[in-house]
Structures are given as C-alpha cells and as structure tokens.
Amino acid sequence: MSRGIDHVIHLVRDLDAAASTYEKLGFLVSTRNKHPFGTHNRIVQFDGSYIEILAVAEPEKIQGEGSPTSFAHFHRDFLARNGEGLSGLVLASADASADKAAFDKAGFGGFPVFDFGRMGKRPDCSEAELSFSLSFLREPDSKDVMTFVCQHKRPENFWFKELQAHTNGVSRVSGAIFTAESPTDHQYFLQAWTGIRDPRSTSLGVTAKTPRGDLQITEPRPFEDAFGSKPAASKGLRFSAVTFAGNAPKIRQAISKSGIAAQERNGRLVIHAHGAVLGFEVNAGG
C-alpha cells in the first residue's frame, strides 16, 4: 500500500514569528503545542495532512547524544548546521510496525518504532489526548532530512474540519520537492518509503505520485529554474520546497494582500520564508 504525505516539518528559530507569516498568507494556525523532549510546534492542518511549524524551544530538555532517529537531537543539530528550513517529511502509516518490517527488509530501516503522546486542543479549546507511532528509515548520505512515517492512534482527537478552513483557499499539500545531484540514485529509497514500486522517471528527475501529494527528486538546476533559487548543497537528499494547491483565485488574492514578496514561475507563486521555499499552485487547474 502506498503512503501519502502526513506532514511537512518546517524548522524555525522563532515559532510565533513563523506562525505569523503563515497567518499573513491566509492560513489558520493552531496554538502552541509542547513535546516532552524540548520541541514546540504550531500546526497548519488540511484534510489528511498538515504543516508542522517547529522550534527547539527548550533545548535544556535534550539530554545526551541521542540516537540516529532522535527527533529533538536531529532538529537541534539541523538548526545549528543549516539554520531554518524544511527539515523533514513524514508519510502516513496505517501500521507503523508493519512499515518498520518493510523498511528493515529494504535495507533502510533497523530502528525501533517510537511511540509517544501529548495533549492537544480541540477547536472548542478542550483538551484531547493524542498518540502516535513512528517508524523511521534513513539513507546514509541524506543527513539533512528526517524521514519517517506516522500512525495516528487517536485520529478523532487530531483532525478537525474547523481547523482546515483557510481563508487563502489552500486545501492540500500538493507536493514535496527534494534535490540531489543524481536523483535516480535515490529511487530505491523513494520506493521503500512511499511503497510505490515504479516511480516515474523523466529528464527532470524521479516522481512518486502518492494518494496525498507528489514526492519529487530533481537536480539542482531544474529546481532553480522552477523556483528561482539555488537549493542548499547536500551530499544526499535535501528537502528543498513544498507546494500547495486549492482555490487558485483565492490563493492569488491572499498572497497579493499578504504584503509578502512572491515570484510567479511556471504556474506557481513562490515565496521564500524562514529558510523554506513555498510554492502555491495558481494555474487554471488549481
């Protein structure tokens, strides 16, 4: 079974400042949530996927050196090494334990399933218990991106239509774009992660069309042509841009009103904010 996008991790230094930027762009952003291991987040939710705006807010809670898949250690070190930006992509899991077995068999796993929970808030501000199981996989050379899958154990306490009504008309994450010097070198990893056996290969790179958004790996030059900026250098995969889609006229209007500079390139309005490249689909198909 193929795995669609569950959430994008946008790592920032100032959580509230980044949330304000998203709000200016017409997104509805949640209140602050706290993890027990020192990171805080605010969420932009869609139907089945979301943006996790993340900050290392309590670094004193991060103890020791951490494991290769330690969420808090990875993001603390990413921020020190790279600054703000897109630090991770998480795909949806129906069974984290089964996915772990698949990742182990493909040669990209070997990590225990990580279970954790926290309290969240419903739209009426009442508290709700949340629980997740995470299964990780890694490509040895791709140290600048965190890759795993997430199984929601209490989905009824997480997904709410009221939190998905964005005034800018955006309804979904349409794609996650990675860059690499040789995209086809990462094809087997992409297959293992998404569960899609035959990603589409073109001169622009490799694309896996999932039930919830496309994952694309492209070379730096085509990425620069598409988004108007050079991606950060990285030995392996680098998470370089995220794209959104929905009601194209509303998106265009919201970005125009935001006062945030945008370039129009290849049917997208492209914004650079807090180290991330955000692309908004404004072609006729929306």
C-alpha atoms as a PDB file:
ATOM      1  CA  MET A   1       0.000   0.000   0.000  1.00  0.00           C
ATOM      2  CA  SER A   2       1.369   3.411  -0.948  1.00  0.00           C
ATOM      3  CA  ARG A   3       1.860   6.082   1.698  1.00  0.00           C
ATOM      4  CA  GLY A   4       0.761   9.676   1.169  1.00  0.00           C
ATOM      5  CA  ILE A   5       2.081  12.827   2.828  1.00  0.00           C
ATOM      6  CA  ASP A   6       1.149  13.100   6.504  1.00  0.00           C
ATOM      7  CA  HIS A   7       3.102  16.237   7.350  1.00  0.00           C
ATOM      8  CA  VAL A   8       5.887  18.611   6.443  1.00  0.00           C
ATOM      9  CA  ILE A   9       8.307  19.817   9.134  1.00  0.00           C
ATOM     10  CA  HIS A  10       9.329  23.472   8.804  1.00  0.00           C
ATOM     11  CA  LEU A  11      12.006  24.168  11.409  1.00  0.00           C
ATOM     12  CA  VAL A  12      12.290  27.784  12.579  1.00  0.00           C
ATOM     13  CA  ARG A  13      14.035  29.790  15.283  1.00  0.00           C
ATOM     14  CA  ASP A  14      11.033  31.899  16.372  1.00  0.00           C
ATOM     15  CA  LEU A  15       7.858  29.824  16.402  1.00  0.00           C
ATOM     16  CA  ASP A  16       5.407  32.691  16.801  1.00  0.00           C
ATOM     17  CA  ALA A  17       7.090  34.841  14.145  1.00  0.00           C
ATOM     18  CA  ALA A  18       6.907  31.995  11.631  1.00  0.00           C
ATOM     19  CA  ALA A  19       3.279  31.307  12.568  1.00  0.00           C
ATOM     20  CA  SER A  20       2.546  34.993  11.943  1.00  0.00           C
ATOM     21  CA  THR A  21       3.999  34.682   8.437  1.00  0.00           C
ATOM     22  CA  TYR A  22       1.730  31.731   7.688  1.00  0.00           C
ATOM     23  CA  GLU A  23      -1.234  33.678   9.067  1.00  0.00           C
ATOM     24  CA  LYS A  24      -0.421  36.634   6.821  1.00  0.00           C
ATOM     25  CA  LEU A  25      -0.545  34.216   3.896  1.00  0.00           C
ATOM     26  CA  GLY A  26      -4.108  33.281   4.888  1.00  0.00           C
ATOM     27  CA  PHE A  27      -3.506  30.054   6.791  1.00  0.00           C
ATOM     28  CA  LEU A  28      -5.276  29.158  10.019  1.00  0.00           C
ATOM     29  CA  VAL A  29      -2.538  28.257  12.513  1.00  0.00           C
ATOM     30  CA  SER A  30      -3.055  26.321  15.745  1.00  0.00           C
ATOM     31  CA  THR A  31      -1.982  27.403  19.204  1.00  0.00           C
ATOM     32  CA  ARG A  32       1.370  26.260  20.605  1.00  0.00           C
ATOM     33  CA  ASN A  33       1.860  22.584  21.447  1.00  0.00           C
ATOM     34  CA  LYS A  34       4.714  21.239  23.575  1.00  0.00           C
ATOM     35  CA  HIS A  35       6.594  17.963  23.199  1.00  0.00           C
ATOM     36  CA  PRO A  36       8.122  16.325  26.288  1.00  0.00           C
ATOM     37  CA  PHE A  37      11.568  16.353  24.648  1.00  0.00           C
ATOM     38  CA  GLY A  38      12.025  20.109  24.201  1.00  0.00           C
ATOM     39  CA  THR A  39      10.466  20.967  20.850  1.00  0.00           C
ATOM     40  CA  HIS A  40       7.294  23.038  20.408  1.00  0.00           C
ATOM     41  CA  ASN A  41       5.082  23.294  17.344  1.00  0.00           C
ATOM     42  CA  ARG A  42       2.172  25.086  15.773  1.00  0.00           C
ATOM     43  CA  ILE A  43       0.180  23.345  13.056  1.00  0.00           C
ATOM     44  CA  VAL A  44      -1.456  24.282   9.765  1.00  0.00           C
ATOM     45  CA  GLN A  45      -3.942  21.482   9.116  1.00  0.00           C
ATOM     46  CA  PHE A  46      -5.536  20.252   5.872  1.00  0.00           C
ATOM     47  CA  ASP A  47      -7.736  17.245   5.153  1.00  0.00           C
ATOM     48  CA  GLY A  48      -5.340  14.404   5.971  1.00  0.00           C
ATOM     49  CA  SER A  49      -2.067  16.345   6.022  1.00  0.00           C
ATOM     50  CA  TYR A  50      -0.506  19.324   7.761  1.00  0.00           C
ATOM     51  CA  ILE A  51       2.459  21.639   8.134  1.00  0.00           C
ATOM     52  CA  GLU A  52       4.304  21.345  11.427  1.00  0.00           C
ATOM     53  CA  ILE A  53       5.992  24.652  12.213  1.00  0.00           C
ATOM     54  CA  LEU A  54       8.629  23.520  14.689  1.00  0.00           C
ATOM     55  CA  ALA A  55      11.063  25.192  17.083  1.00  0.00           C
ATOM     56  CA  VAL A  56      13.609  23.891  19.561  1.00  0.00           C
ATOM     57  CA  ALA A  57      12.088  25.910  22.406  1.00  0.00           C
ATOM     58  CA  GLU A  58      13.506  24.103  25.438  1.00  0.00           C
ATOM     59  CA  PRO A  59      16.986  22.850  24.468  1.00  0.00           C
ATOM     60  CA  GLU A  60      17.798  22.079  28.098  1.00  0.00           C
ATOM     61  CA  LYS A  61      15.413  19.104  27.859  1.00  0.00           C
ATOM     62  CA  ILE A  62      17.561  17.493  25.155  1.00  0.00           C
ATOM     63  CA  GLN A  63      19.895  15.169  27.025  1.00  0.00           C
ATOM     64  CA  GLY A  64      22.869  13.077  25.864  1.00  0.00           C
ATOM     65  CA  GLU A  65      23.929  12.454  22.278  1.00  0.00           C
ATOM     66  CA  GLY A  66      20.717  10.853  21.085  1.00  0.00           C
ATOM     67  CA  SER A  67      20.050   8.039  18.637  1.00  0.00           C
ATOM     68  CA  PRO A  68      20.247   8.374  14.839  1.00  0.00           C
ATOM     69  CA  THR A  69      16.484   8.978  14.784  1.00  0.00           C
ATOM     70  CA  SER A  70      16.129  11.229  17.836  1.00  0.00           C
ATOM     71  CA  PHE A  71      13.679  13.932  16.778  1.00  0.00           C
ATOM     72  CA  ALA A  72      14.910  16.559  19.221  1.00  0.00           C
ATOM     73  CA  HIS A  73      18.633  15.947  18.669  1.00  0.00           C
ATOM     74  CA  PHE A  74      18.238  15.967  14.896  1.00  0.00           C
ATOM     75  CA  HIS A  75      16.429  19.306  14.853  1.00  0.00           C
ATOM     76  CA  ARG A  76      18.752  20.959  17.337  1.00  0.00           C
ATOM     77  CA  ASP A  77      21.716  19.918  15.171  1.00  0.00           C
ATOM     78  CA  PHE A  78      19.979  20.794  11.884  1.00  0.00           C
ATOM     79  CA  LEU A  79      19.311  24.307  13.137  1.00  0.00           C
ATOM     80  CA  ALA A  80      22.941  24.753  14.212  1.00  0.00           C
ATOM     81  CA  ARG A  81      24.284  23.367  10.932  1.00  0.00           C
ATOM     82  CA  ASN A  82      21.827  24.739   8.367  1.00  0.00           C
ATOM     83  CA  GLY A  83      19.631  27.351  10.013  1.00  0.00           C
ATOM     84  CA  GLU A  84      15.890  27.481   9.383  1.00  0.00           C
ATOM     85  CA  GLY A  85      14.262  25.427   6.652  1.00  0.00           C
ATOM     86  CA  LEU A  86      12.387  22.304   5.625  1.00  0.00           C
ATOM     87  CA  SER A  87      13.912  19.651   7.845  1.00  0.00           C
ATOM     88  CA  GLY A  88      11.708  16.610   7.418  1.00  0.00           C
ATOM     89  CA  LEU A  89       8.865  14.927   5.591  1.00  0.00           C
ATOM     90  CA  VAL A  90       6.571  12.395   7.214  1.00  0.00           C
ATOM     91  CA  LEU A  91       4.354   9.967   5.321  1.00  0.00           C
ATOM     92  CA  ALA A  92       1.140   8.419   6.617  1.00  0.00           C
ATOM     93  CA  SER A  93       1.192   4.943   8.137  1.00  0.00           C
ATOM     94  CA  ALA A  94      -1.666   2.533   8.709  1.00  0.00           C
ATOM     95  CA  ASP A  95       0.609   0.205  10.708  1.00  0.00           C
ATOM     96  CA  ALA A  96       3.948   1.519  11.956  1.00  0.00           C
ATOM     97  CA  SER A  97       5.177  -1.954  12.986  1.00  0.00           C
ATOM     98  CA  ALA A  98       4.459  -3.415   9.547  1.00  0.00           C
ATOM     99  CA  ASP A  99       6.162  -0.443   7.930  1.00  0.00           C
ATOM    100  CA  LYS A 100       9.211  -0.980  10.132  1.00  0.00           C
ATOM    101  CA  ALA A 101       9.433  -4.568   8.878  1.00  0.00           C
ATOM    102  CA  ALA A 102       9.211  -3.341   5.268  1.00  0.00           C
ATOM    103  CA  PHE A 103      11.911  -0.697   5.812  1.00  0.00           C
ATOM    104  CA  ASP A 104      14.169  -3.257   7.507  1.00  0.00           C
ATOM    105  CA  LYS A 105      13.738  -5.673   4.603  1.00  0.00           C
ATOM    106  CA  ALA A 106      14.565  -2.930   2.080  1.00  0.00           C
ATOM    107  CA  GLY A 107      17.795  -2.138   3.926  1.00  0.00           C
ATOM    108  CA  PHE A 108      16.865   1.380   5.043  1.00  0.00           C
ATOM    109  CA  GLY A 109      15.458   0.606   8.499  1.00  0.00           C
ATOM    110  CA  GLY A 110      16.818  -1.085  11.595  1.00  0.00           C
ATOM    111  CA  PHE A 111      15.267   1.393  14.041  1.00  0.00           C
ATOM    112  CA  PRO A 112      12.693   0.707  16.772  1.00  0.00           C
ATOM    113  CA  VAL A 113       9.159   2.018  16.485  1.00  0.00           C
ATOM    114  CA  PHE A 114       8.829   5.150  18.606  1.00  0.00           C
ATOM    115  CA  ASP A 115       5.570   5.653  20.484  1.00  0.00           C
ATOM    116  CA  PHE A 116       4.704   8.924  22.167  1.00  0.00           C
ATOM    117  CA  GLY A 117       1.760  11.057  23.120  1.00  0.00           C
ATOM    118  CA  ARG A 118       0.861  14.570  24.120  1.00  0.00           C
ATOM    119  CA  MET A 119      -2.201  16.602  24.945  1.00  0.00           C
ATOM    120  CA  GLY A 120      -3.757  18.655  22.177  1.00  0.00           C
ATOM    121  CA  LYS A 121      -6.702  21.012  21.906  1.00  0.00           C
ATOM    122  CA  ARG A 122      -9.948  20.602  20.054  1.00  0.00           C
ATOM    123  CA  PRO A 123     -11.441  23.610  18.231  1.00  0.00           C
ATOM    124  CA  ASP A 124     -13.561  24.326  21.328  1.00  0.00           C
ATOM    125  CA  CYS A 125     -10.290  24.598  23.352  1.00  0.00           C
ATOM    126  CA  SER A 126     -10.996  21.453  25.371  1.00  0.00           C
ATOM    127  CA  GLU A 127      -8.041  19.111  25.833  1.00  0.00           C
ATOM    128  CA  ALA A 128      -7.681  15.870  23.894  1.00  0.00           C
ATOM    129  CA  GLU A 129      -5.223  13.020  24.228  1.00  0.00           C
ATOM    130  CA  LEU A 130      -3.064  12.356  21.168  1.00  0.00           C
ATOM    131  CA  SER A 131      -0.980   9.270  20.494  1.00  0.00           C
ATOM    132  CA  PHE A 132       1.407   8.412  17.647  1.00  0.00           C
ATOM    133  CA  SER A 133       3.614   5.556  16.482  1.00  0.00           C
ATOM    134  CA  LEU A 134       6.587   6.500  14.309  1.00  0.00           C
ATOM    135  CA  SER A 135       8.677   4.229  12.106  1.00  0.00           C
ATOM    136  CA  PHE A 136      11.939   5.601  10.733  1.00  0.00           C
ATOM    137  CA  LEU A 137      14.057   4.901   7.693  1.00  0.00           C
ATOM    138  CA  ARG A 138      17.273   6.555   6.627  1.00  0.00           C
ATOM    139  CA  GLU A 139      19.524   6.916   3.647  1.00  0.00           C
ATOM    140  CA  PRO A 140      23.110   7.070   4.994  1.00  0.00           C
ATOM    141  CA  ASP A 141      24.177  10.064   2.884  1.00  0.00           C
ATOM    142  CA  SER A 142      20.985  12.076   3.467  1.00  0.00           C
ATOM    143  CA  LYS A 143      21.839  13.552   6.859  1.00  0.00           C
ATOM    144  CA  ASP A 144      19.997  16.844   6.208  1.00  0.00           C
ATOM    145  CA  VAL A 145      16.478  15.440   6.079  1.00  0.00           C
ATOM    146  CA  MET A 146      14.446  13.439   8.613  1.00  0.00           C
ATOM    147  CA  THR A 147      12.329  10.715   7.003  1.00  0.00           C
ATOM    148  CA  PHE A 148       9.744   8.563   8.755  1.00  0.00           C
ATOM    149  CA  VAL A 149       6.098   7.506   8.759  1.00  0.00           C
ATOM    150  CA  CYS A 150       3.453   8.324  11.357  1.00  0.00           C
ATOM    151  CA  GLN A 151       0.489   6.288  12.525  1.00  0.00           C
ATOM    152  CA  HIS A 152      -2.159   8.339  14.320  1.00  0.00           C
ATOM    153  CA  LYS A 153      -3.552   6.296  17.218  1.00  0.00           C
ATOM    154  CA  ARG A 154      -6.234   8.827  18.188  1.00  0.00           C
ATOM    155  CA  PRO A 155      -7.155  10.434  14.852  1.00  0.00           C
ATOM    156  CA  GLU A 156     -10.547  11.544  16.135  1.00  0.00           C
ATOM    157  CA  ASN A 157      -8.721  13.896  18.511  1.00  0.00           C
ATOM    158  CA  PHE A 158      -6.415  15.336  15.852  1.00  0.00           C
ATOM    159  CA  TRP A 159      -8.272  16.016  12.597  1.00  0.00           C
ATOM    160  CA  PHE A 160     -10.974  18.704  12.649  1.00  0.00           C
ATOM    161  CA  LYS A 161     -12.696  20.368   9.703  1.00  0.00           C
ATOM    162  CA  GLU A 162     -12.831  23.610  11.659  1.00  0.00           C
ATOM    163  CA  LEU A 163      -9.020  23.776  11.609  1.00  0.00           C
ATOM    164  CA  GLN A 164      -8.865  23.234   7.846  1.00  0.00           C
ATOM    165  CA  ALA A 165     -10.837  26.320   6.729  1.00  0.00           C
ATOM    166  CA  HIS A 166      -8.077  28.572   5.409  1.00  0.00           C
ATOM    167  CA  THR A 167      -9.100  31.948   4.020  1.00  0.00           C
ATOM    168  CA  ASN A 168      -6.473  31.668   1.268  1.00  0.00           C
ATOM    169  CA  GLY A 169      -8.302  28.739  -0.340  1.00  0.00           C
ATOM    170  CA  VAL A 170      -5.466  26.243   0.124  1.00  0.00           C
ATOM    171  CA  SER A 171      -6.881  22.763   0.655  1.00  0.00           C
ATOM    172  CA  ARG A 172      -3.886  20.438   0.421  1.00  0.00           C
ATOM    173  CA  VAL A 173      -0.150  19.910   0.251  1.00  0.00           C
ATOM    174  CA  SER A 174       0.302  19.086  -3.419  1.00  0.00           C
ATOM    175  CA  GLY A 175       3.977  18.153  -3.423  1.00  0.00           C
ATOM    176  CA  ALA A 176       7.316  17.811  -1.676  1.00  0.00           C
ATOM    177  CA  ILE A 177      10.375  18.539  -3.808  1.00  0.00           C
ATOM    178  CA  PHE A 178      13.783  17.155  -2.930  1.00  0.00           C
ATOM    179  CA  THR A 179      17.031  17.953  -4.696  1.00  0.00           C
ATOM    180  CA  ALA A 180      20.004  15.680  -5.343  1.00  0.00           C
ATOM    181  CA  GLU A 181      22.928  15.619  -7.745  1.00  0.00           C
ATOM    182  CA  SER A 182      21.725  12.283  -9.177  1.00  0.00           C
ATOM    183  CA  PRO A 183      18.005  11.731  -8.489  1.00  0.00           C
ATOM    184  CA  THR A 184      17.949   8.147  -9.772  1.00  0.00           C
ATOM    185  CA  ASP A 185      20.496   7.165  -7.113  1.00  0.00           C
ATOM    186  CA  HIS A 186      17.696   7.635  -4.585  1.00  0.00           C
ATOM    187  CA  GLN A 187      14.969   5.771  -6.468  1.00  0.00           C
ATOM    188  CA  TYR A 188      15.088   2.620  -4.315  1.00  0.00           C
ATOM    189  CA  PHE A 189      14.857   4.671  -1.147  1.00  0.00           C
ATOM    190  CA  LEU A 190      11.856   6.536  -2.584  1.00  0.00           C
ATOM    191  CA  GLN A 191      10.212   3.213  -3.454  1.00  0.00           C
ATOM    192  CA  ALA A 192      10.747   1.827   0.048  1.00  0.00           C
ATOM    193  CA  TRP A 193       9.494   4.994   1.739  1.00  0.00           C
ATOM    194  CA  THR A 194       6.369   5.577  -0.366  1.00  0.00           C
ATOM    195  CA  GLY A 195       5.524   1.945  -1.113  1.00  0.00           C
ATOM    196  CA  ILE A 196       5.242   2.855  -4.799  1.00  0.00           C
ATOM    197  CA  ARG A 197       7.083   0.249  -6.867  1.00  0.00           C
ATOM    198  CA  ASP A 198       7.537   2.231 -10.068  1.00  0.00           C
ATOM    199  CA  PRO A 199       8.180   5.959  -9.544  1.00  0.00           C
ATOM    200  CA  ARG A 200       8.051   7.927 -12.787  1.00  0.00           C
ATOM    201  CA  SER A 201      11.474   8.869 -14.173  1.00  0.00           C
ATOM    202  CA  THR A 202      11.922  11.789 -16.564  1.00  0.00           C
ATOM    203  CA  SER A 203      14.689  14.171 -17.567  1.00  0.00           C
ATOM    204  CA  LEU A 204      13.636  16.329 -14.595  1.00  0.00           C
ATOM    205  CA  GLY A 205      14.095  13.565 -12.042  1.00  0.00           C
ATOM    206  CA  VAL A 206      12.027  10.934 -10.252  1.00  0.00           C
ATOM    207  CA  THR A 207       8.436  11.392  -9.051  1.00  0.00           C
ATOM    208  CA  ALA A 208       6.276   9.183  -6.822  1.00  0.00           C
ATOM    209  CA  LYS A 209       2.595  10.085  -7.084  1.00  0.00           C
ATOM    210  CA  THR A 210       1.059   9.188  -3.731  1.00  0.00           C
ATOM    211  CA  PRO A 211      -2.604   9.261  -2.689  1.00  0.00           C
ATOM    212  CA  ARG A 212      -1.849  12.552  -0.936  1.00  0.00           C
ATOM    213  CA  GLY A 213       0.728  14.641  -2.797  1.00  0.00           C
ATOM    214  CA  ASP A 214       3.682  14.004  -5.105  1.00  0.00           C
ATOM    215  CA  LEU A 215       7.219  13.348  -3.930  1.00  0.00           C
ATOM    216  CA  GLN A 216       9.748  14.549  -6.487  1.00  0.00           C
ATOM    217  CA  ILE A 217      13.539  14.316  -6.562  1.00  0.00           C
ATOM    218  CA  THR A 218      15.131  16.691  -9.054  1.00  0.00           C
ATOM    219  CA  GLU A 219      18.562  18.030  -9.887  1.00  0.00           C
ATOM    220  CA  PRO A 220      19.591  21.480  -8.568  1.00  0.00           C
ATOM    221  CA  ARG A 221      19.413  23.238 -11.960  1.00  0.00           C
ATOM    222  CA  PRO A 222      15.797  22.300 -12.821  1.00  0.00           C
ATOM    223  CA  PHE A 223      14.850  23.214  -9.261  1.00  0.00           C
ATOM    224  CA  GLU A 224      16.424  26.648  -9.685  1.00  0.00           C
ATOM    225  CA  ASP A 225      14.526  27.136 -12.951  1.00  0.00           C
ATOM    226  CA  ALA A 226      11.239  26.152 -11.294  1.00  0.00           C
ATOM    227  CA  PHE A 227      11.572  28.051  -8.016  1.00  0.00           C
ATOM    228  CA  GLY A 228      14.010  30.870  -8.697  1.00  0.00           C
ATOM    229  CA  SER A 229      16.645  29.933  -6.131  1.00  0.00           C
ATOM    230  CA  LYS A 230      19.524  27.530  -5.747  1.00  0.00           C
ATOM    231  CA  PRO A 231      18.873  24.697  -3.299  1.00  0.00           C
ATOM    232  CA  ALA A 232      21.236  24.274  -0.377  1.00  0.00           C
ATOM    233  CA  ALA A 233      24.141  21.963  -1.124  1.00  0.00           C
ATOM    234  CA  SER A 234      23.865  18.483   0.342  1.00  0.00           C
ATOM    235  CA  LYS A 235      25.614  15.172  -0.267  1.00  0.00           C
ATOM    236  CA  GLY A 236      22.353  13.249  -0.305  1.00  0.00           C
ATOM    237  CA  LEU A 237      18.708  14.284  -0.473  1.00  0.00           C
ATOM    238  CA  ARG A 238      17.761  17.812   0.546  1.00  0.00           C
ATOM    239  CA  PHE A 239      14.131  18.809   1.196  1.00  0.00           C
ATOM    240  CA  SER A 240      14.024  21.969  -0.905  1.00  0.00           C
ATOM    241  CA  ALA A 241      10.398  23.039  -1.415  1.00  0.00           C
ATOM    242  CA  VAL A 242       6.789  22.296  -0.550  1.00  0.00           C
ATOM    243  CA  THR A 243       3.845  23.140  -2.800  1.00  0.00           C
ATOM    244  CA  PHE A 244       0.199  23.860  -2.016  1.00  0.00           C
ATOM    245  CA  ALA A 245      -2.974  23.761  -4.101  1.00  0.00           C
ATOM    246  CA  GLY A 246      -6.641  24.637  -3.778  1.00  0.00           C
ATOM    247  CA  ASN A 247      -8.778  27.522  -4.998  1.00  0.00           C
ATOM    248  CA  ALA A 248      -6.351  29.319  -7.325  1.00  0.00           C
ATOM    249  CA  PRO A 249      -8.098  32.741  -7.442  1.00  0.00           C
ATOM    250  CA  LYS A 250      -8.356  32.828  -3.637  1.00  0.00           C
ATOM    251  CA  ILE A 251      -4.706  31.832  -3.294  1.00  0.00           C
ATOM    252  CA  ARG A 252      -3.608  34.582  -5.655  1.00  0.00           C
ATOM    253  CA  GLN A 253      -5.724  37.159  -3.853  1.00  0.00           C
ATOM    254  CA  ALA A 254      -4.487  36.142  -0.396  1.00  0.00           C
ATOM    255  CA  ILE A 255      -0.838  36.313  -1.383  1.00  0.00           C
ATOM    256  CA  SER A 256      -1.374  39.681  -3.022  1.00  0.00           C
ATOM    257  CA  LYS A 257      -2.916  41.015   0.202  1.00  0.00           C
ATOM    258  CA  SER A 258      -0.240  39.495   2.448  1.00  0.00           C
ATOM    259  CA  GLY A 259       2.445  42.029   1.574  1.00  0.00           C
ATOM    260  CA  ILE A 260       4.939  39.153   1.295  1.00  0.00           C
ATOM    261  CA  ALA A 261       7.085  39.161  -1.848  1.00  0.00           C
ATOM    262  CA  ALA A 262       6.276  36.403  -4.333  1.00  0.00           C
ATOM    263  CA  GLN A 263       7.613  35.404  -7.750  1.00  0.00           C
ATOM    264  CA  GLU A 264       5.351  33.874 -10.381  1.00  0.00           C
ATOM    265  CA  ARG A 265       7.114  30.934 -12.001  1.00  0.00           C
ATOM    266  CA  ASN A 266       5.672  28.075 -14.064  1.00  0.00           C
ATOM    267  CA  GLY A 267       2.125  28.389 -12.771  1.00  0.00           C
ATOM    268  CA  ARG A 268       3.143  28.923  -9.158  1.00  0.00           C
ATOM    269  CA  LEU A 269       3.545  31.846  -6.820  1.00  0.00           C
ATOM    270  CA  VAL A 270       6.817  31.197  -5.000  1.00  0.00           C
ATOM    271  CA  ILE A 271       7.631  32.606  -1.571  1.00  0.00           C
ATOM    272  CA  HIS A 272      10.844  32.318   0.433  1.00  0.00           C
ATOM    273  CA  ALA A 273      10.116  32.446   4.158  1.00  0.00           C
ATOM    274  CA  HIS A 274      12.038  31.352   7.248  1.00  0.00           C
ATOM    275  CA  GLY A 275      14.521  29.338   5.205  1.00  0.00           C
ATOM    276  CA  ALA A 276      11.831  27.481   3.232  1.00  0.00           C
ATOM    277  CA  VAL A 277      10.601  27.650  -0.352  1.00  0.00           C
ATOM    278  CA  LEU A 278       6.784  27.624  -0.511  1.00  0.00           C
ATOM    279  CA  GLY A 279       5.085  27.189  -3.886  1.00  0.00           C
ATOM    280  CA  PHE A 280       1.392  27.958  -4.422  1.00  0.00           C
ATOM    281  CA  GLU A 281      -0.322  26.478  -7.482  1.00  0.00           C
ATOM    282  CA  VAL A 282      -2.224  29.236  -9.308  1.00  0.00           C
ATOM    283  CA  ASN A 283      -2.637  27.681 -12.736  1.00  0.00           C
ATOM    284  CA  ALA A 284      -6.170  27.277 -14.079  1.00  0.00           C
ATOM    285  CA  GLY A 285      -6.421  23.698 -12.811  1.00  0.00           C
ATOM    286  CA  GLY A 286      -5.786  24.778  -9.206  1.00  0.00           C
END
